[in-house]
Amino acid sequence: MTFYVMGDLGEEALSRALILSTILPLALITFIWTGFNRVLVVMTRANQNLRRAADVDSLTRLCNRAAFYRRGREIFDQTILTNLHGSQGSHCSLDKKMSLIMIDIDHFKRINDQLGHLAGDQALCHVSKIISNCCREADMPARWGGEEFAILLEDADRKAALNVAERIRQVAETEQFVWEGKPVCITLSAGVTEFSTQDQKLEDIVLRADLALYHAKAAGRNKVHAPYIMEEDLKEKHKPHDLLSIGMGQQISKA
């Protein structure tokens, strides 16, 4: 009698051992896989955070020039492809538009020299906040370098970009920057341009916007310059005929 009971118990133990030998490896694999996935999620988030940190200017929290160029080239390529389906004629409207604003803080060196570099840093943050508040959610403001900023406006023509640039200029002029209890006058100069079917790369637009900024500063600063792009001019590599300047309540047309 005892022999059969022991035999039954032996078969039961063997059955349990077989079940455990099947379940344990699966449980172990599941545990390892779950742990691996958690590690993968953590690493992915860490990489994303590092990428975002690498794309952001540490002082102003705007995107930096490298991030601007990377995303800007993507938008430029999309604009090119979209407009390839439309007519290339000089009087035809574009299916997709994009514009660029280049902004420079007037006489920024005086702030650094007279008030110190810490004041200069806070002035940059002050202007960065103004720029961010005046931009649309779809726009891409960036710190270009030093006291210069750039804004890429997707699906915006020259007129829309001109309005944004002028709004930024006006707010900067009226919202005083205060350092150690004293107001500091800050004004901005800006250059505006828009995408043309003759543009072959993002740098073509950047060059025009930078040239427009140069004219704004040469015209006395605290102004916005927006070249009116003529396709025939670009084909012939001539300068635009009309250069619109807005600032301090004035509107000037230059031949």
Protein backbone atom coordinates (compact mmCIF):
# COMPACT_ATOMS: atom_id res chain seq x y z
CA MET A 1 0.00 0.00 0.00
CA THR A 2 2.72 2.37 0.92
CA PHE A 3 4.48 1.60 -2.35
CA TYR A 4 1.56 2.83 -4.44
CA VAL A 5 1.11 6.00 -2.39
CA MET A 6 4.78 6.85 -2.88
CA GLY A 7 4.36 6.09 -6.57
CA ASP A 8 1.40 8.46 -6.82
CA LEU A 9 3.34 11.13 -5.01
CA GLY A 10 6.31 10.60 -7.30
CA GLU A 11 4.16 11.04 -10.39
CA GLU A 12 2.62 14.20 -8.94
CA ALA A 13 6.05 15.63 -8.14
CA LEU A 14 7.25 14.76 -11.61
CA SER A 15 4.22 16.46 -13.12
CA ARG A 16 4.85 19.58 -11.09
CA ALA A 17 8.49 19.55 -12.05
CA LEU A 18 7.54 19.34 -15.73
CA ILE A 19 5.12 22.23 -15.34
CA LEU A 20 7.70 24.32 -13.53
CA SER A 21 10.33 23.49 -16.11
CA THR A 22 7.99 24.91 -18.75
CA ILE A 23 6.73 27.96 -16.84
CA LEU A 24 10.00 29.12 -15.29
CA PRO A 25 11.85 29.70 -18.60
CA LEU A 26 8.81 31.59 -19.97
CA ALA A 27 8.59 33.66 -16.79
CA LEU A 28 12.30 34.37 -16.96
CA ILE A 29 12.08 35.39 -20.62
CA THR A 30 9.07 37.61 -19.84
CA PHE A 31 10.93 39.21 -16.93
CA ILE A 32 14.02 39.85 -19.05
CA TRP A 33 11.97 41.19 -21.98
CA THR A 34 9.96 43.51 -19.72
CA GLY A 35 13.14 44.79 -18.11
CA PHE A 36 14.74 45.29 -21.52
CA ASN A 37 11.73 47.24 -22.76
CA ARG A 38 11.83 49.46 -19.69
CA VAL A 39 15.51 50.12 -20.19
CA LEU A 40 14.85 50.83 -23.88
CA VAL A 41 12.12 53.34 -23.02
CA VAL A 42 14.38 55.09 -20.51
CA MET A 43 17.25 55.23 -23.00
CA THR A 44 14.96 56.53 -25.75
CA ARG A 45 13.64 59.30 -23.51
CA ALA A 46 17.17 60.16 -22.42
CA ASN A 47 18.30 60.37 -26.04
CA GLN A 48 15.31 62.56 -26.90
CA ASN A 49 16.12 64.86 -23.99
CA LEU A 50 19.74 65.06 -25.09
CA ARG A 51 18.64 65.81 -28.64
CA ARG A 52 16.33 68.56 -27.45
CA ALA A 53 19.06 69.98 -25.25
CA ALA A 54 21.48 69.96 -28.19
CA ASP A 55 18.92 71.84 -30.32
CA VAL A 56 18.26 74.59 -27.77
CA ASP A 57 20.33 77.68 -27.02
CA SER A 58 21.23 77.39 -23.35
CA LEU A 59 20.69 81.10 -22.61
CA THR A 60 17.56 82.11 -24.52
CA ARG A 61 15.92 78.66 -24.75
CA LEU A 62 15.24 79.29 -28.42
CA CYS A 63 16.46 76.73 -30.92
CA ASN A 64 20.07 77.19 -32.01
CA ARG A 65 21.44 77.70 -35.51
CA ALA A 66 22.18 74.01 -36.11
CA ALA A 67 18.59 73.04 -35.27
CA PHE A 68 17.31 75.95 -37.35
CA TYR A 69 19.22 74.80 -40.41
CA ARG A 70 18.18 71.17 -40.00
CA ARG A 71 14.47 71.91 -39.66
CA GLY A 72 14.68 74.85 -42.06
CA ARG A 73 16.08 72.69 -44.84
CA GLU A 74 13.23 70.22 -44.31
CA ILE A 75 10.66 73.00 -44.65
CA PHE A 76 12.50 74.44 -47.65
CA ASP A 77 12.54 71.05 -49.41
CA GLN A 78 8.82 70.60 -48.70
CA THR A 79 8.15 74.05 -50.14
CA ILE A 80 10.15 73.24 -53.27
CA LEU A 81 8.34 69.93 -53.83
CA THR A 82 4.90 71.45 -53.27
CA ASN A 83 5.53 74.27 -55.73
CA LEU A 84 6.96 71.94 -58.38
CA HIS A 85 3.39 70.89 -59.13
CA GLY A 86 2.39 74.48 -59.82
CA SER A 87 3.40 76.90 -62.52
CA GLN A 88 6.88 78.40 -62.45
CA GLY A 89 5.76 81.65 -64.08
CA SER A 90 6.82 84.94 -62.51
CA HIS A 91 3.24 86.15 -62.06
CA CYS A 92 1.78 82.92 -60.67
CA SER A 93 1.01 82.47 -57.00
CA LEU A 94 2.87 79.85 -55.03
CA ASP A 95 1.11 76.78 -53.70
CA LYS A 96 3.23 76.88 -50.53
CA LYS A 97 4.95 79.90 -49.05
CA MET A 98 7.66 80.47 -46.49
CA SER A 99 9.42 83.58 -45.22
CA LEU A 100 12.42 84.48 -43.12
CA ILE A 101 13.08 87.31 -40.67
CA MET A 102 16.56 88.24 -39.46
CA ILE A 103 16.68 90.44 -36.35
CA ASP A 104 19.55 92.27 -34.69
CA ILE A 105 19.62 94.18 -31.38
CA ASP A 106 20.74 97.74 -32.11
CA HIS A 107 23.91 98.90 -30.34
CA PHE A 108 24.07 95.74 -28.27
CA LYS A 109 27.78 96.27 -27.62
CA ARG A 110 26.93 99.39 -25.61
CA ILE A 111 24.88 97.31 -23.18
CA ASN A 112 27.78 94.91 -22.63
CA ASP A 113 30.34 97.68 -22.36
CA GLN A 114 28.35 100.01 -20.11
CA LEU A 115 26.31 97.58 -17.98
CA GLY A 116 28.30 94.37 -18.18
CA HIS A 117 27.87 91.01 -19.85
CA LEU A 118 25.33 89.80 -17.31
CA ALA A 119 23.07 92.68 -18.32
CA GLY A 120 23.70 91.76 -21.94
CA ASP A 121 22.62 88.18 -21.28
CA GLN A 122 19.41 89.36 -19.63
CA ALA A 123 18.76 91.71 -22.55
CA LEU A 124 19.05 88.74 -24.92
CA CYS A 125 16.53 86.81 -22.81
CA HIS A 126 14.23 89.85 -22.79
CA VAL A 127 14.27 90.09 -26.58
CA SER A 128 13.90 86.31 -26.95
CA LYS A 129 10.71 86.40 -24.90
CA ILE A 130 9.31 89.20 -27.03
CA ILE A 131 10.10 87.28 -30.21
CA SER A 132 8.50 84.09 -28.89
CA ASN A 133 5.35 85.91 -27.79
CA CYS A 134 4.94 87.58 -31.18
CA CYS A 135 5.43 84.40 -33.22
CA ARG A 136 2.78 81.90 -34.23
CA GLU A 137 2.99 78.38 -32.85
CA ALA A 138 4.10 77.11 -36.27
CA ASP A 139 6.95 79.63 -36.56
CA MET A 140 10.52 78.71 -35.69
CA PRO A 141 12.44 81.44 -33.84
CA ALA A 142 16.13 80.82 -33.23
CA ARG A 143 19.13 82.53 -31.76
CA TRP A 144 21.34 82.96 -34.78
CA GLY A 145 24.41 83.97 -32.80
CA GLY A 146 25.50 86.86 -30.62
CA GLU A 147 22.69 89.44 -30.60
CA GLU A 148 21.14 88.19 -33.83
CA PHE A 149 17.97 86.13 -34.21
CA ALA A 150 16.20 84.37 -37.06
CA ILE A 151 12.55 83.40 -37.52
CA LEU A 152 11.38 80.93 -40.15
CA LEU A 153 7.70 81.34 -40.97
CA GLU A 154 6.08 78.40 -42.73
CA ASP A 155 3.02 79.11 -44.92
CA ALA A 156 3.59 82.85 -44.63
CA ASP A 157 4.28 85.34 -47.41
CA ARG A 158 6.33 88.52 -47.31
CA LYS A 159 3.43 90.66 -46.06
CA ALA A 160 2.63 88.32 -43.18
CA ALA A 161 6.31 88.13 -42.19
CA LEU A 162 6.61 91.91 -42.44
CA ASN A 163 3.71 92.30 -40.01
CA VAL A 164 5.33 89.89 -37.54
CA ALA A 165 8.69 91.68 -37.78
CA GLU A 166 7.12 95.08 -37.29
CA ARG A 167 5.12 93.86 -34.30
CA ILE A 168 8.30 92.53 -32.70
CA ARG A 169 10.09 95.83 -33.37
CA GLN A 170 7.27 97.87 -31.84
CA VAL A 171 6.97 95.70 -28.72
CA ALA A 172 10.73 95.81 -28.15
CA GLU A 173 10.65 99.60 -28.42
CA THR A 174 7.75 100.04 -26.00
CA GLU A 175 8.44 97.28 -23.44
CA GLN A 176 11.41 98.61 -21.51
CA PHE A 177 14.18 96.35 -20.38
CA VAL A 178 14.98 97.10 -16.73
CA TRP A 179 18.41 96.44 -15.27
CA GLU A 180 19.11 97.11 -11.58
CA GLY A 181 15.98 99.23 -11.34
CA LYS A 182 16.85 101.41 -14.33
CA PRO A 183 15.14 101.27 -17.75
CA VAL A 184 17.39 100.45 -20.70
CA CYS A 185 16.30 101.39 -24.22
CA ILE A 186 16.38 98.47 -26.63
CA THR A 187 15.51 98.73 -30.31
CA LEU A 188 15.66 96.16 -33.08
CA SER A 189 16.44 96.14 -36.77
CA ALA A 190 15.02 93.44 -39.01
CA GLY A 191 15.30 92.13 -42.55
CA VAL A 192 12.47 90.20 -44.20
CA THR A 193 12.30 88.07 -47.33
CA GLU A 194 10.16 85.28 -48.74
CA PHE A 195 10.67 82.10 -50.73
CA SER A 196 11.14 82.43 -54.48
CA THR A 197 10.92 79.71 -57.12
CA GLN A 198 14.46 80.71 -58.09
CA ASP A 199 15.83 79.71 -54.68
CA GLN A 200 17.88 76.53 -54.81
CA LYS A 201 18.73 76.19 -51.14
CA LEU A 202 17.81 77.65 -47.75
CA GLU A 203 21.01 79.69 -47.74
CA ASP A 204 19.64 81.75 -50.66
CA ILE A 205 16.81 83.02 -48.46
CA VAL A 206 19.14 83.55 -45.51
CA LEU A 207 21.44 85.67 -47.67
CA ARG A 208 18.57 87.91 -48.82
CA ALA A 209 17.21 88.34 -45.30
CA ASP A 210 20.69 89.17 -44.02
CA LEU A 211 21.11 91.75 -46.80
CA ALA A 212 17.75 93.29 -45.91
CA LEU A 213 18.87 93.47 -42.26
CA TYR A 214 22.03 95.26 -43.37
CA HIS A 215 19.91 97.87 -45.17
CA ALA A 216 17.69 98.31 -42.11
CA LYS A 217 20.72 99.09 -39.97
CA ALA A 218 22.23 101.33 -42.64
CA ALA A 219 18.95 103.27 -42.86
CA GLY A 220 19.26 104.30 -39.20
CA ARG A 221 18.30 101.17 -37.22
CA ASN A 222 15.01 100.51 -35.40
CA LYS A 223 13.52 99.64 -38.78
CA VAL A 224 12.22 96.68 -40.76
CA HIS A 225 13.38 96.24 -44.35
CA ALA A 226 11.50 93.88 -46.67
CA PRO A 227 12.75 93.52 -50.26
CA TYR A 228 10.02 93.04 -52.84
CA ILE A 229 11.25 90.00 -54.78
CA MET A 230 11.03 90.14 -58.55
CA GLU A 231 11.57 86.76 -60.22
CA GLU A 232 13.15 88.46 -63.24
CA ASP A 233 15.65 90.18 -60.95
CA LEU A 234 16.66 86.88 -59.37
CA LYS A 235 17.07 85.23 -62.74
CA GLU A 236 19.35 88.05 -63.85
CA LYS A 237 21.02 88.14 -60.40
CA HIS A 238 20.06 91.79 -59.96
CA LYS A 239 19.07 93.42 -56.71
CA PRO A 240 15.32 93.83 -56.04
CA HIS A 241 13.85 97.10 -57.36
CA ASP A 242 11.78 97.96 -54.33
CA LEU A 243 12.99 97.95 -50.76
CA LEU A 244 10.32 98.65 -48.20
CA SER A 245 11.44 100.14 -44.92
CA ILE A 246 9.19 100.48 -41.90
CA GLY A 247 10.16 101.92 -38.57
CA MET A 248 9.48 104.77 -36.18
CA GLY A 249 6.18 105.49 -37.94
CA GLN A 250 7.78 105.91 -41.38
CA GLN A 251 7.41 103.98 -44.60
CA ILE A 252 10.09 104.56 -47.23
CA SER A 253 10.34 103.19 -50.76
CA LYS A 254 13.85 103.01 -52.14
CA ALA A 255 14.66 102.72 -55.83
